PDB file of N, CA and C in Angstrom:
ATOM      1  N   MET A   1      93.597 -40.521 172.004  1.00  0.00           N
ATOM      2  CA  MET A   1      94.381 -41.602 172.587  1.00  0.00           C
ATOM      3  C   MET A   1      95.501 -42.042 171.641  1.00  0.00           C
ATOM      4  N   LYS A   2      95.222 -41.993 170.333  1.00  0.00           N
ATOM      5  CA  LYS A   2      96.218 -42.413 169.360  1.00  0.00           C
ATOM      6  C   LYS A   2      97.452 -41.501 169.412  1.00  0.00           C
ATOM      7  N   LYS A   3      97.232 -40.195 169.596  1.00  0.00           N
ATOM      8  CA  LYS A   3      98.339 -39.249 169.669  1.00  0.00           C
ATOM      9  C   LYS A   3      99.161 -39.472 170.940  1.00  0.00           C
ATOM     10  N   ILE A   4      98.494 -39.783 172.038  1.00  0.00           N
ATOM     11  CA  ILE A   4      99.204 -40.046 173.291  1.00  0.00           C
ATOM     12  C   ILE A   4     100.051 -41.308 173.162  1.00  0.00           C
ATOM     13  N   ARG A   5      99.496 -42.336 172.543  1.00  0.00           N
ATOM     14  CA  ARG A   5     100.258 -43.569 172.325  1.00  0.00           C
ATOM     15  C   ARG A   5     101.489 -43.284 171.466  1.00  0.00           C
ATOM     16  N   LYS A   6     101.318 -42.479 170.421  1.00  0.00           N
ATOM     17  CA  LYS A   6     102.437 -42.098 169.563  1.00  0.00           C
ATOM     18  C   LYS A   6     103.480 -41.321 170.364  1.00  0.00           C
ATOM     19  N   GLY A   7     103.032 -40.440 171.247  1.00  0.00           N
ATOM     20  CA  GLY A   7     103.948 -39.680 172.092  1.00  0.00           C
ATOM     21  C   GLY A   7     104.761 -40.571 173.000  1.00  0.00           C
ATOM     22  N   ILE A   8     104.123 -41.581 173.569  1.00  0.00           N
ATOM     23  CA  ILE A   8     104.829 -42.514 174.449  1.00  0.00           C
ATOM     24  C   ILE A   8     105.836 -43.340 173.655  1.00  0.00           C
ATOM     25  N   VAL A   9     105.438 -43.818 172.486  1.00  0.00           N
ATOM     26  CA  VAL A   9     106.348 -44.608 171.646  1.00  0.00           C
ATOM     27  C   VAL A   9     107.545 -43.758 171.218  1.00  0.00           C
ATOM     28  N   LEU A  10     107.285 -42.529 170.779  1.00  0.00           N
ATOM     29  CA  LEU A  10     108.386 -41.644 170.404  1.00  0.00           C
ATOM     30  C   LEU A  10     109.243 -41.292 171.619  1.00  0.00           C
ATOM     31  N   GLY A  11     108.633 -41.196 172.782  1.00  0.00           N
ATOM     32  CA  GLY A  11     109.379 -40.967 174.017  1.00  0.00           C
ATOM     33  C   GLY A  11     110.313 -42.123 174.333  1.00  0.00           C
ATOM     34  N   VAL A  12     109.856 -43.342 174.088  1.00  0.00           N
ATOM     35  CA  VAL A  12     110.712 -44.526 174.284  1.00  0.00           C
ATOM     36  C   VAL A  12     111.912 -44.459 173.348  1.00  0.00           C
ATOM     37  N   ILE A  13     111.660 -44.078 172.097  1.00  0.00           N
ATOM     38  CA  ILE A  13     112.758 -43.962 171.125  1.00  0.00           C
ATOM     39  C   ILE A  13     113.738 -42.869 171.553  1.00  0.00           C
ATOM     40  N   ALA A  14     113.201 -41.714 171.947  1.00  0.00           N
ATOM     41  CA  ALA A  14     114.061 -40.617 172.418  1.00  0.00           C
ATOM     42  C   ALA A  14     114.853 -41.058 173.643  1.00  0.00           C
ATOM     43  N   GLY A  15     114.214 -41.807 174.532  1.00  0.00           N
ATOM     44  CA  GLY A  15     114.893 -42.308 175.719  1.00  0.00           C
ATOM     45  C   GLY A  15     116.055 -43.218 175.369  1.00  0.00           C
ATOM     46  N   MET A  16     115.850 -44.080 174.387  1.00  0.00           N
ATOM     47  CA  MET A  16     116.939 -44.969 173.963  1.00  0.00           C
ATOM     48  C   MET A  16     118.088 -44.167 173.357  1.00  0.00           C
ATOM     49  N   ILE A  17     117.738 -43.149 172.564  1.00  0.00           N
ATOM     50  CA  ILE A  17     118.777 -42.300 171.963  1.00  0.00           C
ATOM     51  C   ILE A  17     119.576 -41.586 173.040  1.00  0.00           C
ATOM     52  N   ASP A  18     118.901 -41.129 174.078  1.00  0.00           N
ATOM     53  CA  ASP A  18     119.570 -40.408 175.157  1.00  0.00           C
ATOM     54  C   ASP A  18     120.405 -41.331 176.040  1.00  0.00           C
ATOM     55  N   VAL A  19     119.947 -42.539 176.240  1.00  0.00           N
ATOM     56  CA  VAL A  19     120.606 -43.457 177.180  1.00  0.00           C
ATOM     57  C   VAL A  19     121.829 -44.137 176.574  1.00  0.00           C
ATOM     58  N   ILE A  20     121.857 -44.325 175.281  1.00  0.00           N
ATOM     59  CA  ILE A  20     122.988 -45.028 174.653  1.00  0.00           C
ATOM     60  C   ILE A  20     124.327 -44.371 174.997  1.00  0.00           C
ATOM     61  N   PRO A  21     124.480 -43.043 174.822  1.00  0.00           N
ATOM     62  CA  PRO A  21     125.764 -42.452 175.213  1.00  0.00           C
ATOM     63  C   PRO A  21     126.027 -42.534 176.720  1.00  0.00           C
ATOM     64  N   MET A  22     124.973 -42.535 177.504  1.00  0.00           N
ATOM     65  CA  MET A  22     125.128 -42.631 178.960  1.00  0.00           C
ATOM     66  C   MET A  22     125.693 -44.005 179.338  1.00  0.00           C
ATOM     67  N   ILE A  23     125.208 -45.036 178.677  1.00  0.00           N
ATOM     68  CA  ILE A  23     125.709 -46.393 178.931  1.00  0.00           C
ATOM     69  C   ILE A  23     127.170 -46.491 178.497  1.00  0.00           C
ATOM     70  N   MET A  24     127.501 -45.878 177.349  1.00  0.00           N
ATOM     71  CA  MET A  24     128.878 -45.909 176.861  1.00  0.00           C
ATOM     72  C   MET A  24     129.824 -45.174 177.822  1.00  0.00           C
ATOM     73  N   GLN A  25     129.309 -44.186 178.544  1.00  0.00           N
ATOM     74  CA  GLN A  25     130.110 -43.464 179.530  1.00  0.00           C
ATOM     75  C   GLN A  25     130.129 -44.181 180.880  1.00  0.00           C
ATOM     76  N   LYS A  26     129.430 -45.305 180.932  1.00  0.00           N
ATOM     77  CA  LYS A  26     129.347 -46.116 182.151  1.00  0.00           C
ATOM     78  C   LYS A  26     128.734 -45.346 183.322  1.00  0.00           C
ATOM     79  N   LEU A  27     127.679 -44.578 183.028  1.00  0.00           N
ATOM     80  CA  LEU A  27     126.946 -43.891 184.086  1.00  0.00           C
ATOM     81  C   LEU A  27     126.095 -44.908 184.835  1.00  0.00           C
ATOM     82  N   SER A  28     125.663 -44.551 186.013  1.00  0.00           N
ATOM     83  CA  SER A  28     124.919 -45.489 186.862  1.00  0.00           C
ATOM     84  C   SER A  28     123.588 -45.882 186.223  1.00  0.00           C
ATOM     85  N   TRP A  29     123.109 -47.050 186.602  1.00  0.00           N
ATOM     86  CA  TRP A  29     121.854 -47.542 186.042  1.00  0.00           C
ATOM     87  C   TRP A  29     120.693 -46.632 186.407  1.00  0.00           C
ATOM     88  N   ASP A  30     120.721 -46.042 187.611  1.00  0.00           N
ATOM     89  CA  ASP A  30     119.611 -45.187 188.004  1.00  0.00           C
ATOM     90  C   ASP A  30     119.591 -43.886 187.202  1.00  0.00           C
ATOM     91  N   ALA A  31     120.759 -43.365 186.828  1.00  0.00           N
ATOM     92  CA  ALA A  31     120.803 -42.179 185.966  1.00  0.00           C
ATOM     93  C   ALA A  31     120.263 -42.512 184.581  1.00  0.00           C
ATOM     94  N   CYS A  32     120.639 -43.668 184.047  1.00  0.00           N
ATOM     95  CA  CYS A  32     120.151 -44.101 182.728  1.00  0.00           C
ATOM     96  C   CYS A  32     118.647 -44.341 182.756  1.00  0.00           C
ATOM     97  N   PHE A  33     118.180 -45.018 183.789  1.00  0.00           N
ATOM     98  CA  PHE A  33     116.756 -45.302 183.911  1.00  0.00           C
ATOM     99  C   PHE A  33     115.956 -44.007 184.061  1.00  0.00           C
ATOM    100  N   SER A  34     116.482 -43.078 184.845  1.00  0.00           N
ATOM    101  CA  SER A  34     115.826 -41.787 185.046  1.00  0.00           C
ATOM    102  C   SER A  34     115.697 -41.031 183.723  1.00  0.00           C
ATOM    103  N   ALA A  35     116.768 -41.014 182.923  1.00  0.00           N
ATOM    104  CA  ALA A  35     116.727 -40.334 181.627  1.00  0.00           C
ATOM    105  C   ALA A  35     115.728 -41.008 180.690  1.00  0.00           C
ATOM    106  N   PHE A  36     115.687 -42.324 180.718  1.00  0.00           N
ATOM    107  CA  PHE A  36     114.752 -43.069 179.860  1.00  0.00           C
ATOM    108  C   PHE A  36     113.305 -42.735 180.224  1.00  0.00           C
ATOM    109  N   ILE A  37     112.989 -42.784 181.496  1.00  0.00           N
ATOM    110  CA  ILE A  37     111.627 -42.462 181.952  1.00  0.00           C
ATOM    111  C   ILE A  37     111.297 -41.003 181.674  1.00  0.00           C
ATOM    112  N   PHE A  38     112.276 -40.114 181.827  1.00  0.00           N
ATOM    113  CA  PHE A  38     112.086 -38.696 181.534  1.00  0.00           C
ATOM    114  C   PHE A  38     111.528 -38.509 180.133  1.00  0.00           C
ATOM    115  N   TRP A  39     112.095 -39.191 179.144  1.00  0.00           N
ATOM    116  CA  TRP A  39     111.651 -39.013 177.762  1.00  0.00           C
ATOM    117  C   TRP A  39     110.285 -39.636 177.502  1.00  0.00           C
ATOM    118  N   ILE A  40     109.956 -40.706 178.184  1.00  0.00           N
ATOM    119  CA  ILE A  40     108.609 -41.275 178.051  1.00  0.00           C
ATOM    120  C   ILE A  40     107.582 -40.278 178.584  1.00  0.00           C
ATOM    121  N   VAL A  41     107.869 -39.682 179.734  1.00  0.00           N
ATOM    122  CA  VAL A  41     106.975 -38.683 180.330  1.00  0.00           C
ATOM    123  C   VAL A  41     106.874 -37.456 179.424  1.00  0.00           C
ATOM    124  N   CYS A  42     108.002 -37.012 178.887  1.00  0.00           N
ATOM    125  CA  CYS A  42     107.975 -35.864 177.968  1.00  0.00           C
ATOM    126  C   CYS A  42     107.125 -36.163 176.731  1.00  0.00           C
ATOM    127  N   GLY A  43     107.288 -37.349 176.186  1.00  0.00           N
ATOM    128  CA  GLY A  43     106.477 -37.735 175.026  1.00  0.00           C
ATOM    129  C   GLY A  43     104.990 -37.677 175.336  1.00  0.00           C
ATOM    130  N   PHE A  44     104.624 -38.159 176.520  1.00  0.00           N
ATOM    131  CA  PHE A  44     103.226 -38.109 176.951  1.00  0.00           C
ATOM    132  C   PHE A  44     102.747 -36.662 177.090  1.00  0.00           C
ATOM    133  N   PHE A  45     103.541 -35.831 177.786  1.00  0.00           N
ATOM    134  CA  PHE A  45     103.142 -34.439 178.013  1.00  0.00           C
ATOM    135  C   PHE A  45     103.065 -33.647 176.708  1.00  0.00           C
ATOM    136  N   ILE A  46     104.006 -33.844 175.821  1.00  0.00           N
ATOM    137  CA  ILE A  46     103.990 -33.121 174.544  1.00  0.00           C
ATOM    138  C   ILE A  46     102.772 -33.528 173.728  1.00  0.00           C
ATOM    139  N   ALA A  47     102.473 -34.827 173.717  1.00  0.00           N
ATOM    140  CA  ALA A  47     101.331 -35.318 172.948  1.00  0.00           C
ATOM    141  C   ALA A  47      99.999 -34.851 173.523  1.00  0.00           C
ATOM    142  N   SER A  48      99.916 -34.732 174.829  1.00  0.00           N
ATOM    143  CA  SER A  48      98.629 -34.397 175.440  1.00  0.00           C
ATOM    144  C   SER A  48      98.459 -32.902 175.707  1.00  0.00           C
ATOM    145  N   SER A  49      99.507 -32.125 175.502  1.00  0.00           N
ATOM    146  CA  SER A  49      99.443 -30.684 175.772  1.00  0.00           C
ATOM    147  C   SER A  49      98.684 -29.948 174.670  1.00  0.00           C
ATOM    148  N   GLU A  50      97.983 -28.917 175.070  1.00  0.00           N
ATOM    149  CA  GLU A  50      97.237 -28.084 174.124  1.00  0.00           C
ATOM    150  C   GLU A  50      97.850 -26.690 173.986  1.00  0.00           C
ATOM    151  N   ILE A  51      99.146 -26.559 174.298  1.00  0.00           N
ATOM    152  CA  ILE A  51      99.823 -25.271 174.139  1.00  0.00           C
ATOM    153  C   ILE A  51      99.759 -24.876 172.661  1.00  0.00           C
ATOM    154  N   LYS A  52      99.371 -23.649 172.396  1.00  0.00           N
ATOM    155  CA  LYS A  52      99.175 -23.188 171.021  1.00  0.00           C
ATOM    156  C   LYS A  52     100.454 -22.588 170.439  1.00  0.00           C
ATOM    157  N   VAL A  53     101.473 -23.412 170.271  1.00  0.00           N
ATOM    158  CA  VAL A  53     102.718 -23.025 169.607  1.00  0.00           C
ATOM    159  C   VAL A  53     103.099 -24.151 168.657  1.00  0.00           C
ATOM    160  N   LYS A  54     104.050 -23.866 167.780  1.00  0.00           N
ATOM    161  CA  LYS A  54     104.516 -24.894 166.844  1.00  0.00           C
ATOM    162  C   LYS A  54     105.053 -26.104 167.612  1.00  0.00           C
ATOM    163  N   GLY A  55     104.970 -27.264 166.985  1.00  0.00           N
ATOM    164  CA  GLY A  55     105.337 -28.513 167.637  1.00  0.00           C
ATOM    165  C   GLY A  55     106.735 -28.544 168.216  1.00  0.00           C
ATOM    166  N   ALA A  56     107.717 -28.080 167.444  1.00  0.00           N
ATOM    167  CA  ALA A  56     109.097 -28.117 167.927  1.00  0.00           C
ATOM    168  C   ALA A  56     109.262 -27.230 169.158  1.00  0.00           C
ATOM    169  N   LEU A  57     108.661 -26.053 169.138  1.00  0.00           N
ATOM    170  CA  LEU A  57     108.747 -25.152 170.289  1.00  0.00           C
ATOM    171  C   LEU A  57     108.024 -25.740 171.494  1.00  0.00           C
ATOM    172  N   LYS A  58     106.887 -26.375 171.254  1.00  0.00           N
ATOM    173  CA  LYS A  58     106.167 -27.039 172.341  1.00  0.00           C
ATOM    174  C   LYS A  58     107.037 -28.118 172.972  1.00  0.00           C
ATOM    175  N   GLY A  59     107.721 -28.890 172.150  1.00  0.00           N
ATOM    176  CA  GLY A  59     108.608 -29.929 172.665  1.00  0.00           C
ATOM    177  C   GLY A  59     109.740 -29.364 173.499  1.00  0.00           C
ATOM    178  N   ILE A  60     110.307 -28.252 173.051  1.00  0.00           N
ATOM    179  CA  ILE A  60     111.393 -27.617 173.801  1.00  0.00           C
ATOM    180  C   ILE A  60     110.881 -27.092 175.140  1.00  0.00           C
ATOM    181  N   ILE A  61     109.747 -26.400 175.111  1.00  0.00           N
ATOM    182  CA  ILE A  61     109.181 -25.832 176.338  1.00  0.00           C
ATOM    183  C   ILE A  61     108.893 -26.926 177.365  1.00  0.00           C
ATOM    184  N   ILE A  62     108.239 -27.979 176.927  1.00  0.00           N
ATOM    185  CA  ILE A  62     107.851 -29.048 177.854  1.00  0.00           C
ATOM    186  C   ILE A  62     109.065 -29.830 178.332  1.00  0.00           C
ATOM    187  N   SER A  63     110.013 -30.094 177.435  1.00  0.00           N
ATOM    188  CA  SER A  63     111.186 -30.864 177.876  1.00  0.00           C
ATOM    189  C   SER A  63     112.012 -30.067 178.879  1.00  0.00           C
ATOM    190  N   TYR A  64     112.173 -28.751 178.663  1.00  0.00           N
ATOM    191  CA  TYR A  64     112.921 -27.949 179.635  1.00  0.00           C
ATOM    192  C   TYR A  64     112.148 -27.791 180.942  1.00  0.00           C
ATOM    193  N   ALA A  65     110.848 -27.617 180.869  1.00  0.00           N
ATOM    194  CA  ALA A  65     110.051 -27.493 182.096  1.00  0.00           C
ATOM    195  C   ALA A  65     110.108 -28.787 182.909  1.00  0.00           C
ATOM    196  N   THR A  66     110.099 -29.905 182.232  1.00  0.00           N
ATOM    197  CA  THR A  66     110.162 -31.195 182.903  1.00  0.00           C
ATOM    198  C   THR A  66     111.571 -31.473 183.434  1.00  0.00           C
ATOM    199  N   LEU A  67     112.568 -30.987 182.730  1.00  0.00           N
ATOM    200  CA  LEU A  67     113.962 -31.195 183.119  1.00  0.00           C
ATOM    201  C   LEU A  67     114.370 -30.359 184.332  1.00  0.00           C
ATOM    202  N   LEU A  68     113.739 -29.232 184.528  1.00  0.00           N
ATOM    203  CA  LEU A  68     114.171 -28.267 185.529  1.00  0.00           C
ATOM    204  C   LEU A  68     114.422 -28.836 186.929  1.00  0.00           C
ATOM    205  N   PRO A  69     113.512 -29.619 187.515  1.00  0.00           N
ATOM    206  CA  PRO A  69     113.784 -30.142 188.869  1.00  0.00           C
ATOM    207  C   PRO A  69     115.038 -31.024 188.931  1.00  0.00           C
ATOM    208  N   ALA A  70     115.213 -31.892 187.950  1.00  0.00           N
ATOM    209  CA  ALA A  70     116.398 -32.761 187.932  1.00  0.00           C
ATOM    210  C   ALA A  70     117.661 -31.949 187.664  1.00  0.00           C
ATOM    211  N   ALA A  71     117.547 -30.909 186.835  1.00  0.00           N
ATOM    212  CA  ALA A  71     118.704 -30.081 186.515  1.00  0.00           C
ATOM    213  C   ALA A  71     119.201 -29.325 187.744  1.00  0.00           C
ATOM    214  N   ILE A  72     118.297 -28.916 188.602  1.00  0.00           N
ATOM    215  CA  ILE A  72     118.700 -28.224 189.824  1.00  0.00           C
ATOM    216  C   ILE A  72     119.538 -29.152 190.707  1.00  0.00           C
ATOM    217  N   ILE A  73     119.084 -30.377 190.862  1.00  0.00           N
ATOM    218  CA  ILE A  73     119.821 -31.346 191.679  1.00  0.00           C
ATOM    219  C   ILE A  73     121.147 -31.720 191.019  1.00  0.00           C
ATOM    220  N   ALA A  74     121.100 -32.017 189.721  1.00  0.00           N
ATOM    221  CA  ALA A  74     122.317 -32.421 189.015  1.00  0.00           C
ATOM    222  C   ALA A  74     123.322 -31.277 188.961  1.00  0.00           C
ATOM    223  N   GLY A  75     122.845 -30.066 188.750  1.00  0.00           N
ATOM    224  CA  GLY A  75     123.735 -28.916 188.670  1.00  0.00           C
ATOM    225  C   GLY A  75     124.425 -28.613 189.984  1.00  0.00           C
ATOM    226  N   LYS A  76     123.759 -28.897 191.073  1.00  0.00           N
ATOM    227  CA  LYS A  76     124.371 -28.678 192.383  1.00  0.00           C
ATOM    228  C   LYS A  76     125.543 -29.648 192.595  1.00  0.00           C
ATOM    229  N   GLN A  77     125.385 -30.876 192.099  1.00  0.00           N
ATOM    230  CA  GLN A  77     126.434 -31.881 192.270  1.00  0.00           C
ATOM    231  C   GLN A  77     127.552 -31.728 191.242  1.00  0.00           C
ATOM    232  N   ASP A  78     127.180 -31.417 189.999  1.00  0.00           N
ATOM    233  CA  ASP A  78     128.174 -31.305 188.925  1.00  0.00           C
ATOM    234  C   ASP A  78     127.635 -30.348 187.873  1.00  0.00           C
ATOM    235  N   LEU A  79     128.100 -29.120 187.884  1.00  0.00           N
ATOM    236  CA  LEU A  79     127.599 -28.087 186.995  1.00  0.00           C
ATOM    237  C   LEU A  79     127.792 -28.445 185.519  1.00  0.00           C
ATOM    238  N   LYS A  80     128.871 -29.162 185.202  1.00  0.00           N
ATOM    239  CA  LYS A  80     129.141 -29.539 183.814  1.00  0.00           C
ATOM    240  C   LYS A  80     128.104 -30.517 183.262  1.00  0.00           C
ATOM    241  N   SER A  81     127.425 -31.246 184.125  1.00  0.00           N
ATOM    242  CA  SER A  81     126.429 -32.215 183.661  1.00  0.00           C
ATOM    243  C   SER A  81     125.215 -31.526 183.029  1.00  0.00           C
ATOM    244  N   LEU A  82     125.048 -30.237 183.292  1.00  0.00           N
ATOM    245  CA  LEU A  82     123.905 -29.513 182.725  1.00  0.00           C
ATOM    246  C   LEU A  82     124.037 -29.313 181.217  1.00  0.00           C
ATOM    247  N   ILE A  83     125.259 -29.306 180.718  1.00  0.00           N
ATOM    248  CA  ILE A  83     125.453 -29.084 179.277  1.00  0.00           C
ATOM    249  C   ILE A  83     124.851 -30.215 178.448  1.00  0.00           C
ATOM    250  N   PRO A  84     125.229 -31.483 178.650  1.00  0.00           N
ATOM    251  CA  PRO A  84     124.611 -32.532 177.834  1.00  0.00           C
ATOM    252  C   PRO A  84     123.114 -32.675 178.101  1.00  0.00           C
ATOM    253  N   MET A  85     122.692 -32.443 179.336  1.00  0.00           N
ATOM    254  CA  MET A  85     121.262 -32.533 179.635  1.00  0.00           C
ATOM    255  C   MET A  85     120.487 -31.480 178.850  1.00  0.00           C
ATOM    256  N   SER A  86     121.004 -30.264 178.808  1.00  0.00           N
ATOM    257  CA  SER A  86     120.341 -29.176 178.094  1.00  0.00           C
ATOM    258  C   SER A  86     120.341 -29.404 176.584  1.00  0.00           C
ATOM    259  N   VAL A  87     121.455 -29.886 176.068  1.00  0.00           N
ATOM    260  CA  VAL A  87     121.558 -30.133 174.625  1.00  0.00           C
ATOM    261  C   VAL A  87     120.572 -31.222 174.200  1.00  0.00           C
ATOM    262  N   MET A  88     120.520 -32.310 174.974  1.00  0.00           N
ATOM    263  CA  MET A  88     119.590 -33.395 174.629  1.00  0.00           C
ATOM    264  C   MET A  88     118.139 -32.940 174.760  1.00  0.00           C
ATOM    265  N   ALA A  89     117.838 -32.126 175.760  1.00  0.00           N
ATOM    266  CA  ALA A  89     116.475 -31.614 175.915  1.00  0.00           C
ATOM    267  C   ALA A  89     116.102 -30.740 174.729  1.00  0.00           C
ATOM    268  N   LEU A  90     117.034 -29.945 174.258  1.00  0.00           N
ATOM    269  CA  LEU A  90     116.774 -29.083 173.108  1.00  0.00           C
ATOM    270  C   LEU A  90     116.550 -29.913 171.843  1.00  0.00           C
ATOM    271  N   ILE A  91     117.466 -30.821 171.565  1.00  0.00           N
ATOM    272  CA  ILE A  91     117.397 -31.603 170.327  1.00  0.00           C
ATOM    273  C   ILE A  91     116.229 -32.586 170.348  1.00  0.00           C
ATOM    274  N   LEU A  92     116.196 -33.442 171.362  1.00  0.00           N
ATOM    275  CA  LEU A  92     115.154 -34.475 171.393  1.00  0.00           C
ATOM    276  C   LEU A  92     113.776 -33.880 171.669  1.00  0.00           C
ATOM    277  N   GLY A  93     113.705 -32.840 172.493  1.00  0.00           N
ATOM    278  CA  GLY A  93     112.419 -32.194 172.748  1.00  0.00           C
ATOM    279  C   GLY A  93     111.839 -31.578 171.492  1.00  0.00           C
ATOM    280  N   SER A  94     112.683 -30.883 170.718  1.00  0.00           N
ATOM    281  CA  SER A  94     112.184 -30.285 169.478  1.00  0.00           C
ATOM    282  C   SER A  94     111.795 -31.350 168.460  1.00  0.00           C
ATOM    283  N   LEU A  95     112.573 -32.427 168.390  1.00  0.00           N
ATOM    284  CA  LEU A  95     112.228 -33.507 167.455  1.00  0.00           C
ATOM    285  C   LEU A  95     110.923 -34.199 167.850  1.00  0.00           C
ATOM    286  N   LEU A  96     110.733 -34.436 169.148  1.00  0.00           N
ATOM    287  CA  LEU A  96     109.475 -35.041 169.614  1.00  0.00           C
ATOM    288  C   LEU A  96     108.289 -34.151 169.259  1.00  0.00           C
ATOM    289  N   GLY A  97     108.405 -32.870 169.583  1.00  0.00           N
ATOM    290  CA  GLY A  97     107.314 -31.936 169.282  1.00  0.00           C
ATOM    291  C   GLY A  97     107.021 -31.838 167.804  1.00  0.00           C
ATOM    292  N   TRP A  98     108.083 -31.763 167.020  1.00  0.00           N
ATOM    293  CA  TRP A  98     107.925 -31.672 165.574  1.00  0.00           C
ATOM    294  C   TRP A  98     107.264 -32.921 164.992  1.00  0.00           C
ATOM    295  N   LYS A  99     107.725 -34.077 165.438  1.00  0.00           N
ATOM    296  CA  LYS A  99     107.174 -35.345 164.935  1.00  0.00           C
ATOM    297  C   LYS A  99     105.724 -35.542 165.360  1.00  0.00           C
ATOM    298  N   LEU A 100     105.389 -35.122 166.570  1.00  0.00           N
ATOM    299  CA  LEU A 100     104.019 -35.289 167.047  1.00  0.00           C
ATOM    300  C   LEU A 100     103.065 -34.307 166.365  1.00  0.00           C
ATOM    301  N   GLU A 101     103.587 -33.200 165.865  1.00  0.00           N
ATOM    302  CA  GLU A 101     102.741 -32.231 165.164  1.00  0.00           C
ATOM    303  C   GLU A 101     102.338 -32.752 163.783  1.00  0.00           C
ATOM    304  N   LYS A 102     103.182 -33.586 163.204  1.00  0.00           N
ATOM    305  CA  LYS A 102     102.900 -34.125 161.862  1.00  0.00           C
ATOM    306  C   LYS A 102     101.757 -35.094 161.863  1.00  0.00           C
TER     307      LYS A 102
END
C-alpha cells in the first residue's frame, strides 16, 4: 500500500508538471484536468504493476499504453498534438518508473 500511495503522490507531481505548460498555452480546463488525472492513474498503475523490467522502462510502457486511447482521439483532431503528448509520456513515465523503483 505504501508503494501505491507513493505512486499516486508522484503521479500528482507529474500531473502538475504536465499541466503547467498546458495552462500557459491556455488549453481548455477539460484537457488540463484529463492530463492531470492521466498522470495520477499512471502513477497508480506503475506502482502496482509487477512487470519484470527496469523501473524507467516500466514507466514508459505503462504511460504509453495508458496514453494510447486518448492519443488516437487527439491525433484524429490534431496530429501535431501527439508530439508533446508523446514527449511528456516518455519523460514523465520514465521518471515515475525510475523513482518508484528506488
